[in-house]
Amino acid sequence: MARICIWVAAQHRDGTLCSHPAADASHAPATGCSGPVRYQVMCTQHGALGRPLSLRMLAEAAQDTHHHEHRAVLARRAEQ
């Protein structure tokens, strides 16, 4: 069985990935970066999950929910 990864991807306003580190300890965006404005939950098996969310905390909750859904499917398969 393939390993499934679920993560939260930060996105700029135009939908591009905001993967560069913050410029300093203040967590300000790097020079030339507007900073992330939304967060998309991603899954290696299902791709983008739902709509991008405005708060990382909400995206992390959706990430946990999707992770538990995968675990429930595996548990049901194990019972069969």
C-alpha atoms as a PDB file:
ATOM      1  CA  MET A   1       0.000   0.000   0.000  1.00  0.00           C
ATOM      2  CA  ALA A   2       1.300   3.443  -0.923  1.00  0.00           C
ATOM      3  CA  ARG A   3       2.048   5.991   1.754  1.00  0.00           C
ATOM      4  CA  ILE A   4      -0.493   8.817   1.893  1.00  0.00           C
ATOM      5  CA  CYS A   5       0.621  12.321   2.869  1.00  0.00           C
ATOM      6  CA  ILE A   6      -1.742  15.126   3.831  1.00  0.00           C
ATOM      7  CA  TRP A   7      -0.407  18.654   4.208  1.00  0.00           C
ATOM      8  CA  VAL A   8      -1.398  22.322   4.220  1.00  0.00           C
ATOM      9  CA  ALA A   9      -0.021  24.406   1.328  1.00  0.00           C
ATOM     10  CA  ALA A  10       0.213  28.183   1.789  1.00  0.00           C
ATOM     11  CA  GLN A  11      -0.799  30.168  -1.300  1.00  0.00           C
ATOM     12  CA  HIS A  12      -0.292  33.730  -2.533  1.00  0.00           C
ATOM     13  CA  ARG A  13      -3.267  35.806  -3.663  1.00  0.00           C
ATOM     14  CA  ASP A  14      -2.765  34.592  -7.264  1.00  0.00           C
ATOM     15  CA  GLY A  15      -2.878  30.917  -6.183  1.00  0.00           C
ATOM     16  CA  THR A  16       0.845  30.204  -6.499  1.00  0.00           C
ATOM     17  CA  LEU A  17       2.608  28.279  -3.746  1.00  0.00           C
ATOM     18  CA  CYS A  18       4.182  30.372  -0.959  1.00  0.00           C
ATOM     19  CA  SER A  19       6.954  28.005   0.064  1.00  0.00           C
ATOM     20  CA  HIS A  20       9.843  30.357   0.765  1.00  0.00           C
ATOM     21  CA  PRO A  21      10.844  30.951   4.380  1.00  0.00           C
ATOM     22  CA  ALA A  22      10.061  34.123   6.276  1.00  0.00           C
ATOM     23  CA  ALA A  23      12.688  36.849   5.987  1.00  0.00           C
ATOM     24  CA  ASP A  24      13.484  36.944   9.707  1.00  0.00           C
ATOM     25  CA  ALA A  25      12.354  35.921  13.178  1.00  0.00           C
ATOM     26  CA  SER A  26       9.388  38.336  12.994  1.00  0.00           C
ATOM     27  CA  HIS A  27       7.812  35.941  10.437  1.00  0.00           C
ATOM     28  CA  ALA A  28       7.446  38.775   7.946  1.00  0.00           C
ATOM     29  CA  PRO A  29       7.258  37.562   4.340  1.00  0.00           C
ATOM     30  CA  ALA A  30      10.473  37.423   2.317  1.00  0.00           C
ATOM     31  CA  THR A  31      11.340  40.414   0.131  1.00  0.00           C
ATOM     32  CA  GLY A  32       9.109  40.533  -2.934  1.00  0.00           C
ATOM     33  CA  CYS A  33       6.509  38.207  -1.397  1.00  0.00           C
ATOM     34  CA  SER A  34       3.039  39.353  -0.444  1.00  0.00           C
ATOM     35  CA  GLY A  35       2.817  36.469   2.032  1.00  0.00           C
ATOM     36  CA  PRO A  36       0.247  33.686   2.144  1.00  0.00           C
ATOM     37  CA  VAL A  37      -3.399  34.726   2.023  1.00  0.00           C
ATOM     38  CA  ARG A  38      -5.023  31.282   1.931  1.00  0.00           C
ATOM     39  CA  TYR A  39      -4.262  27.690   2.811  1.00  0.00           C
ATOM     40  CA  GLN A  40      -5.133  24.610   0.735  1.00  0.00           C
ATOM     41  CA  VAL A  41      -5.294  21.106   2.228  1.00  0.00           C
ATOM     42  CA  MET A  42      -3.567  18.647  -0.117  1.00  0.00           C
ATOM     43  CA  CYS A  43      -3.570  14.826  -0.195  1.00  0.00           C
ATOM     44  CA  THR A  44      -1.317  12.587  -2.279  1.00  0.00           C
ATOM     45  CA  GLN A  45      -4.299  10.358  -3.078  1.00  0.00           C
ATOM     46  CA  HIS A  46      -7.060  12.960  -3.592  1.00  0.00           C
ATOM     47  CA  GLY A  47      -5.203  16.151  -4.598  1.00  0.00           C
ATOM     48  CA  ALA A  48      -6.633  19.475  -3.416  1.00  0.00           C
ATOM     49  CA  LEU A  49      -9.361  19.015  -0.804  1.00  0.00           C
ATOM     50  CA  GLY A  50     -12.226  21.485  -0.841  1.00  0.00           C
ATOM     51  CA  ARG A  51     -11.766  25.209  -1.206  1.00  0.00           C
ATOM     52  CA  PRO A  52      -8.717  27.102   0.066  1.00  0.00           C
ATOM     53  CA  LEU A  53      -9.269  28.499   3.562  1.00  0.00           C
ATOM     54  CA  SER A  54      -8.349  31.941   4.873  1.00  0.00           C
ATOM     55  CA  LEU A  55      -6.958  30.745   8.229  1.00  0.00           C
ATOM     56  CA  ARG A  56      -4.232  28.127   8.654  1.00  0.00           C
ATOM     57  CA  MET A  57      -5.961  26.922  11.832  1.00  0.00           C
ATOM     58  CA  LEU A  58      -9.075  25.999   9.796  1.00  0.00           C
ATOM     59  CA  ALA A  59      -6.934  24.226   7.191  1.00  0.00           C
ATOM     60  CA  GLU A  60      -5.161  22.231   9.910  1.00  0.00           C
ATOM     61  CA  ALA A  61      -8.541  21.117  11.296  1.00  0.00           C
ATOM     62  CA  ALA A  62      -9.602  19.994   7.788  1.00  0.00           C
ATOM     63  CA  GLN A  63      -6.247  18.206   7.442  1.00  0.00           C
ATOM     64  CA  ASP A  64      -6.877  16.291  10.692  1.00  0.00           C
ATOM     65  CA  THR A  65     -10.413  15.375   9.579  1.00  0.00           C
ATOM     66  CA  HIS A  66      -9.175  13.996   6.262  1.00  0.00           C
ATOM     67  CA  HIS A  67      -6.417  12.069   8.035  1.00  0.00           C
ATOM     68  CA  HIS A  68      -9.007  10.433  10.322  1.00  0.00           C
ATOM     69  CA  GLU A  69     -11.143   9.563   7.285  1.00  0.00           C
ATOM     70  CA  HIS A  70      -8.188   7.694   5.776  1.00  0.00           C
ATOM     71  CA  ARG A  71      -7.591   5.864   9.058  1.00  0.00           C
ATOM     72  CA  ALA A  72     -11.266   4.851   9.254  1.00  0.00           C
ATOM     73  CA  VAL A  73     -11.111   3.379   5.742  1.00  0.00           C
ATOM     74  CA  LEU A  74      -8.002   1.381   6.671  1.00  0.00           C
ATOM     75  CA  ALA A  75      -9.674   0.138   9.867  1.00  0.00           C
ATOM     76  CA  ARG A  76     -12.740  -1.024   7.913  1.00  0.00           C
ATOM     77  CA  ARG A  77     -10.517  -2.854   5.419  1.00  0.00           C
ATOM     78  CA  ALA A  78      -8.661  -4.567   8.258  1.00  0.00           C
ATOM     79  CA  GLU A  79     -11.944  -5.824   9.743  1.00  0.00           C
ATOM     80  CA  GLN A  80     -12.992  -7.501   6.504  1.00  0.00           C
END
